[in-house]
Amino acid sequence: MARAVKEATVAELAERFSSSSGAVLTEYRGLSVAQVRELRRALGENATFSVVKNTLTKIAAERAGVTGEFSRMLTGPSAIAFVGGDVVAAAKGLRDFARSYPLLVIKGGVLDGKVMTPAEIDRLADLESREVLLAKLAGAMKASLANAAATFAALPTQMARLLAALEEKKSAGGADAPAQG
């Protein structure tokens, strides 16, 4: 590989490390081209899966400020899934694909500059997607607002019933008083 091509590759990888939400490092040894294509489809639109050279990736990771722990994971044939959106969805896609095709091994990753182990990535994949979590939050907020609105709406109704009961009691008490006297 020519020096200019290597420098361009390092610059591109460093930019991808910097601009991505996260990156998951995998070993793809033994996967066919068709299986890698299927993996790319499984990751969806918010992630890209690229086969990388370890030495160039180490240089790019250092330039992007990724810790040395990540560089130690760069052994054997490596590929990286750079995630541009929902990291949970990408982690689920990788984990599910690895269950179907055990030749894909998740080595680790980086999320917001923090190095993650394969076990941490697996736990991340167990989370619900961002959309589901936001929907649950919105539902909880809506329920709280509905309860507050019902409480506020009930106060005037209860006050009106109380006043009506007082009026009734007053008029019943007032009607009895003249009859006694």
C-alpha atoms as a PDB file:
ATOM      1  CA  MET A   1       0.000   0.000   0.000  1.00  0.00           C
ATOM      2  CA  ALA A   2       1.432   3.382  -0.995  1.00  0.00           C
ATOM      3  CA  ARG A   3       2.250   5.859   1.769  1.00  0.00           C
ATOM      4  CA  ALA A   4      -0.338   8.376   0.529  1.00  0.00           C
ATOM      5  CA  VAL A   5      -3.043   5.711   0.580  1.00  0.00           C
ATOM      6  CA  LYS A   6      -2.036   4.667   4.106  1.00  0.00           C
ATOM      7  CA  GLU A   7      -2.180   8.270   5.316  1.00  0.00           C
ATOM      8  CA  ALA A   8      -5.597   8.755   3.733  1.00  0.00           C
ATOM      9  CA  THR A   9      -6.831   5.527   5.339  1.00  0.00           C
ATOM     10  CA  VAL A  10      -5.547   6.578   8.774  1.00  0.00           C
ATOM     11  CA  ALA A  11      -7.159  10.023   8.396  1.00  0.00           C
ATOM     12  CA  GLU A  12     -10.481   8.454   7.377  1.00  0.00           C
ATOM     13  CA  LEU A  13     -10.427   5.964  10.271  1.00  0.00           C
ATOM     14  CA  ALA A  14      -9.519   8.703  12.765  1.00  0.00           C
ATOM     15  CA  GLU A  15     -12.432  10.801  11.483  1.00  0.00           C
ATOM     16  CA  ARG A  16     -14.794   7.834  11.801  1.00  0.00           C
ATOM     17  CA  PHE A  17     -13.625   7.210  15.383  1.00  0.00           C
ATOM     18  CA  SER A  18     -14.203  10.886  16.211  1.00  0.00           C
ATOM     19  CA  SER A  19     -17.587  11.269  14.523  1.00  0.00           C
ATOM     20  CA  SER A  20     -19.150   7.926  15.497  1.00  0.00           C
ATOM     21  CA  SER A  21     -21.305   7.295  18.546  1.00  0.00           C
ATOM     22  CA  GLY A  22     -19.395   4.098  19.056  1.00  0.00           C
ATOM     23  CA  ALA A  23     -17.262   1.455  17.382  1.00  0.00           C
ATOM     24  CA  VAL A  24     -17.374  -2.313  17.869  1.00  0.00           C
ATOM     25  CA  LEU A  25     -14.279  -4.338  17.032  1.00  0.00           C
ATOM     26  CA  THR A  26     -14.834  -7.841  15.685  1.00  0.00           C
ATOM     27  CA  GLU A  27     -12.929 -10.771  14.280  1.00  0.00           C
ATOM     28  CA  TYR A  28     -14.502 -12.018  11.083  1.00  0.00           C
ATOM     29  CA  ARG A  29     -12.190 -14.958  10.264  1.00  0.00           C
ATOM     30  CA  GLY A  30     -14.049 -17.603   8.244  1.00  0.00           C
ATOM     31  CA  LEU A  31     -17.059 -15.519   7.208  1.00  0.00           C
ATOM     32  CA  SER A  32     -17.903 -15.585   3.527  1.00  0.00           C
ATOM     33  CA  VAL A  33     -18.439 -12.447   1.475  1.00  0.00           C
ATOM     34  CA  ALA A  34     -22.176 -13.201   1.411  1.00  0.00           C
ATOM     35  CA  GLN A  35     -22.249 -13.490   5.210  1.00  0.00           C
ATOM     36  CA  VAL A  36     -20.416 -10.168   5.620  1.00  0.00           C
ATOM     37  CA  ARG A  37     -22.957  -8.604   3.244  1.00  0.00           C
ATOM     38  CA  GLU A  38     -25.755 -10.070   5.391  1.00  0.00           C
ATOM     39  CA  LEU A  39     -24.087  -8.650   8.508  1.00  0.00           C
ATOM     40  CA  ARG A  40     -23.981  -5.195   6.947  1.00  0.00           C
ATOM     41  CA  ARG A  41     -27.725  -5.452   6.245  1.00  0.00           C
ATOM     42  CA  ALA A  42     -28.340  -6.638   9.835  1.00  0.00           C
ATOM     43  CA  LEU A  43     -26.556  -3.563  11.212  1.00  0.00           C
ATOM     44  CA  GLY A  44     -28.946  -1.260   9.405  1.00  0.00           C
ATOM     45  CA  GLU A  45     -28.418   2.220   8.078  1.00  0.00           C
ATOM     46  CA  ASN A  46     -26.848   3.757  11.170  1.00  0.00           C
ATOM     47  CA  ALA A  47     -23.712   1.574  11.170  1.00  0.00           C
ATOM     48  CA  THR A  48     -20.968   0.701   8.713  1.00  0.00           C
ATOM     49  CA  PHE A  49     -18.899  -2.471   8.871  1.00  0.00           C
ATOM     50  CA  SER A  50     -15.364  -2.234   7.499  1.00  0.00           C
ATOM     51  CA  VAL A  51     -12.446  -4.637   7.370  1.00  0.00           C
ATOM     52  CA  VAL A  52      -9.398  -2.774   8.680  1.00  0.00           C
ATOM     53  CA  LYS A  53      -5.655  -3.184   8.929  1.00  0.00           C
ATOM     54  CA  ASN A  54      -4.601  -3.378  12.571  1.00  0.00           C
ATOM     55  CA  THR A  55      -1.501  -1.166  12.319  1.00  0.00           C
ATOM     56  CA  LEU A  56      -3.364   1.628  10.519  1.00  0.00           C
ATOM     57  CA  THR A  57      -6.285   1.318  12.932  1.00  0.00           C
ATOM     58  CA  LYS A  58      -3.958   1.612  15.944  1.00  0.00           C
ATOM     59  CA  ILE A  59      -2.509   4.837  14.534  1.00  0.00           C
ATOM     60  CA  ALA A  60      -5.987   6.190  13.748  1.00  0.00           C
ATOM     61  CA  ALA A  61      -7.297   5.272  17.206  1.00  0.00           C
ATOM     62  CA  GLU A  62      -4.407   7.093  18.875  1.00  0.00           C
ATOM     63  CA  ARG A  63      -5.015  10.179  16.720  1.00  0.00           C
ATOM     64  CA  ALA A  64      -8.697  10.102  17.648  1.00  0.00           C
ATOM     65  CA  GLY A  65      -7.854   9.881  21.355  1.00  0.00           C
ATOM     66  CA  VAL A  66      -9.039   6.304  21.837  1.00  0.00           C
ATOM     67  CA  THR A  67      -7.162   4.690  24.730  1.00  0.00           C
ATOM     68  CA  GLY A  68      -4.399   2.134  24.436  1.00  0.00           C
ATOM     69  CA  GLU A  69      -6.696  -0.592  25.770  1.00  0.00           C
ATOM     70  CA  PHE A  70      -8.477  -0.540  22.418  1.00  0.00           C
ATOM     71  CA  SER A  71      -5.203  -0.932  20.530  1.00  0.00           C
ATOM     72  CA  ARG A  72      -4.403  -4.093  22.489  1.00  0.00           C
ATOM     73  CA  MET A  73      -7.588  -5.681  21.100  1.00  0.00           C
ATOM     74  CA  LEU A  74      -6.335  -5.233  17.537  1.00  0.00           C
ATOM     75  CA  THR A  75      -4.998  -8.728  16.920  1.00  0.00           C
ATOM     76  CA  GLY A  76      -5.866 -11.130  14.139  1.00  0.00           C
ATOM     77  CA  PRO A  77      -8.176 -10.253  11.264  1.00  0.00           C
ATOM     78  CA  SER A  78     -10.206  -7.258  12.422  1.00  0.00           C
ATOM     79  CA  ALA A  79     -13.277  -5.425  11.259  1.00  0.00           C
ATOM     80  CA  ILE A  80     -14.995  -2.475  12.900  1.00  0.00           C
ATOM     81  CA  ALA A  81     -18.648  -1.523  13.001  1.00  0.00           C
ATOM     82  CA  PHE A  82     -18.739   2.279  13.261  1.00  0.00           C
ATOM     83  CA  VAL A  83     -22.107   3.359  14.655  1.00  0.00           C
ATOM     84  CA  GLY A  84     -23.549   6.714  13.680  1.00  0.00           C
ATOM     85  CA  GLY A  85     -26.854   6.472  15.522  1.00  0.00           C
ATOM     86  CA  ASP A  86     -28.369   4.075  18.024  1.00  0.00           C
ATOM     87  CA  VAL A  87     -25.521   2.045  19.526  1.00  0.00           C
ATOM     88  CA  VAL A  88     -27.953  -0.379  21.155  1.00  0.00           C
ATOM     89  CA  ALA A  89     -29.470  -1.367  17.797  1.00  0.00           C
ATOM     90  CA  ALA A  90     -26.019  -1.974  16.307  1.00  0.00           C
ATOM     91  CA  ALA A  91     -24.945  -4.018  19.341  1.00  0.00           C
ATOM     92  CA  LYS A  92     -28.113  -6.118  19.014  1.00  0.00           C
ATOM     93  CA  GLY A  93     -27.458  -6.655  15.310  1.00  0.00           C
ATOM     94  CA  LEU A  94     -23.885  -7.788  15.951  1.00  0.00           C
ATOM     95  CA  ARG A  95     -24.839 -10.019  18.884  1.00  0.00           C
ATOM     96  CA  ASP A  96     -27.699 -11.663  17.008  1.00  0.00           C
ATOM     97  CA  PHE A  97     -25.540 -12.209  13.939  1.00  0.00           C
ATOM     98  CA  ALA A  98     -22.763 -13.689  16.110  1.00  0.00           C
ATOM     99  CA  ARG A  99     -25.288 -16.114  17.614  1.00  0.00           C
ATOM    100  CA  SER A 100     -26.249 -17.289  14.125  1.00  0.00           C
ATOM    101  CA  TYR A 101     -22.674 -17.251  12.810  1.00  0.00           C
ATOM    102  CA  PRO A 102     -20.239 -18.054  15.653  1.00  0.00           C
ATOM    103  CA  LEU A 103     -17.310 -17.219  13.354  1.00  0.00           C
ATOM    104  CA  LEU A 104     -18.008 -13.542  14.086  1.00  0.00           C
ATOM    105  CA  VAL A 105     -16.326 -12.779  17.409  1.00  0.00           C
ATOM    106  CA  ILE A 106     -16.921  -9.484  19.199  1.00  0.00           C
ATOM    107  CA  LYS A 107     -13.566  -8.396  20.645  1.00  0.00           C
ATOM    108  CA  GLY A 108     -14.672  -5.170  22.295  1.00  0.00           C
ATOM    109  CA  GLY A 109     -15.437  -1.602  21.393  1.00  0.00           C
ATOM    110  CA  VAL A 110     -15.521   2.053  22.231  1.00  0.00           C
ATOM    111  CA  LEU A 111     -18.551   4.042  23.342  1.00  0.00           C
ATOM    112  CA  ASP A 112     -18.149   7.776  23.919  1.00  0.00           C
ATOM    113  CA  GLY A 113     -14.398   7.341  24.354  1.00  0.00           C
ATOM    114  CA  LYS A 114     -14.741   4.514  26.920  1.00  0.00           C
ATOM    115  CA  VAL A 115     -13.373   1.103  25.991  1.00  0.00           C
ATOM    116  CA  MET A 116     -15.919  -1.685  26.378  1.00  0.00           C
ATOM    117  CA  THR A 117     -15.400  -5.412  26.841  1.00  0.00           C
ATOM    118  CA  PRO A 118     -17.389  -8.007  24.868  1.00  0.00           C
ATOM    119  CA  ALA A 119     -19.509  -8.659  27.993  1.00  0.00           C
ATOM    120  CA  GLU A 120     -20.366  -4.942  28.263  1.00  0.00           C
ATOM    121  CA  ILE A 121     -21.356  -4.861  24.602  1.00  0.00           C
ATOM    122  CA  ASP A 122     -23.572  -7.908  25.203  1.00  0.00           C
ATOM    123  CA  ARG A 123     -25.256  -6.104  28.132  1.00  0.00           C
ATOM    124  CA  LEU A 124     -25.683  -3.051  25.922  1.00  0.00           C
ATOM    125  CA  ALA A 125     -27.427  -5.240  23.348  1.00  0.00           C
ATOM    126  CA  ASP A 126     -29.862  -6.393  26.051  1.00  0.00           C
ATOM    127  CA  LEU A 127     -31.144  -2.839  26.493  1.00  0.00           C
ATOM    128  CA  GLU A 128     -34.230  -1.730  24.659  1.00  0.00           C
ATOM    129  CA  SER A 129     -33.751   0.526  21.662  1.00  0.00           C
ATOM    130  CA  ARG A 130     -33.655   4.287  22.042  1.00  0.00           C
ATOM    131  CA  GLU A 131     -37.084   4.620  20.419  1.00  0.00           C
ATOM    132  CA  VAL A 132     -38.663   2.145  22.857  1.00  0.00           C
ATOM    133  CA  LEU A 133     -37.092   3.854  25.871  1.00  0.00           C
ATOM    134  CA  LEU A 134     -38.260   7.270  24.647  1.00  0.00           C
ATOM    135  CA  ALA A 135     -41.758   5.897  24.034  1.00  0.00           C
ATOM    136  CA  LYS A 136     -41.870   4.491  27.575  1.00  0.00           C
ATOM    137  CA  LEU A 137     -40.694   7.822  28.973  1.00  0.00           C
ATOM    138  CA  ALA A 138     -43.314   9.682  26.968  1.00  0.00           C
ATOM    139  CA  GLY A 139     -46.005   7.246  28.142  1.00  0.00           C
ATOM    140  CA  ALA A 140     -44.989   7.697  31.767  1.00  0.00           C
ATOM    141  CA  MET A 141     -45.018  11.473  31.373  1.00  0.00           C
ATOM    142  CA  LYS A 142     -48.404  11.362  29.655  1.00  0.00           C
ATOM    143  CA  ALA A 143     -49.828   9.202  32.448  1.00  0.00           C
ATOM    144  CA  SER A 144     -48.483  11.611  35.070  1.00  0.00           C
ATOM    145  CA  LEU A 145     -49.981  14.579  33.241  1.00  0.00           C
ATOM    146  CA  ALA A 146     -53.307  12.767  32.817  1.00  0.00           C
ATOM    147  CA  ASN A 147     -53.388  11.994  36.553  1.00  0.00           C
ATOM    148  CA  ALA A 148     -52.590  15.621  37.388  1.00  0.00           C
ATOM    149  CA  ALA A 149     -55.279  16.854  34.990  1.00  0.00           C
ATOM    150  CA  ALA A 150     -57.834  14.466  36.496  1.00  0.00           C
ATOM    151  CA  THR A 151     -56.935  15.653  39.992  1.00  0.00           C
ATOM    152  CA  PHE A 152     -57.257  19.301  39.019  1.00  0.00           C
ATOM    153  CA  ALA A 153     -60.542  18.616  37.226  1.00  0.00           C
ATOM    154  CA  ALA A 154     -61.892  16.741  40.260  1.00  0.00           C
ATOM    155  CA  LEU A 155     -61.210  19.613  42.675  1.00  0.00           C
ATOM    156  CA  PRO A 156     -63.869  21.984  41.296  1.00  0.00           C
ATOM    157  CA  THR A 157     -66.363  19.112  41.045  1.00  0.00           C
ATOM    158  CA  GLN A 158     -65.715  18.096  44.653  1.00  0.00           C
ATOM    159  CA  MET A 159     -65.955  21.730  45.750  1.00  0.00           C
ATOM    160  CA  ALA A 160     -69.293  22.114  43.958  1.00  0.00           C
ATOM    161  CA  ARG A 161     -70.625  18.923  45.630  1.00  0.00           C
ATOM    162  CA  LEU A 162     -69.440  20.175  49.034  1.00  0.00           C
ATOM    163  CA  LEU A 163     -71.134  23.535  48.515  1.00  0.00           C
ATOM    164  CA  ALA A 164     -74.329  21.828  47.370  1.00  0.00           C
ATOM    165  CA  ALA A 165     -74.295  19.593  50.454  1.00  0.00           C
ATOM    166  CA  LEU A 166     -73.718  22.610  52.696  1.00  0.00           C
ATOM    167  CA  GLU A 167     -76.565  24.485  51.008  1.00  0.00           C
ATOM    168  CA  GLU A 168     -78.832  21.483  51.412  1.00  0.00           C
ATOM    169  CA  LYS A 169     -77.875  21.101  55.057  1.00  0.00           C
ATOM    170  CA  LYS A 170     -78.343  24.824  55.649  1.00  0.00           C
ATOM    171  CA  SER A 171     -81.735  24.884  53.988  1.00  0.00           C
ATOM    172  CA  ALA A 172     -82.813  21.698  55.796  1.00  0.00           C
ATOM    173  CA  GLY A 173     -81.586  23.140  59.095  1.00  0.00           C
ATOM    174  CA  GLY A 174     -83.263  26.491  58.352  1.00  0.00           C
ATOM    175  CA  ALA A 175     -86.617  24.865  57.521  1.00  0.00           C
ATOM    176  CA  ASP A 176     -86.638  22.890  60.791  1.00  0.00           C
ATOM    177  CA  ALA A 177     -85.800  25.937  62.970  1.00  0.00           C
ATOM    178  CA  PRO A 178     -89.012  27.953  62.292  1.00  0.00           C
ATOM    179  CA  ALA A 179     -91.207  24.920  62.813  1.00  0.00           C
ATOM    180  CA  GLN A 180     -89.805  24.449  66.341  1.00  0.00           C
ATOM    181  CA  GLY A 181     -90.251  28.023  67.409  1.00  0.00           C
END
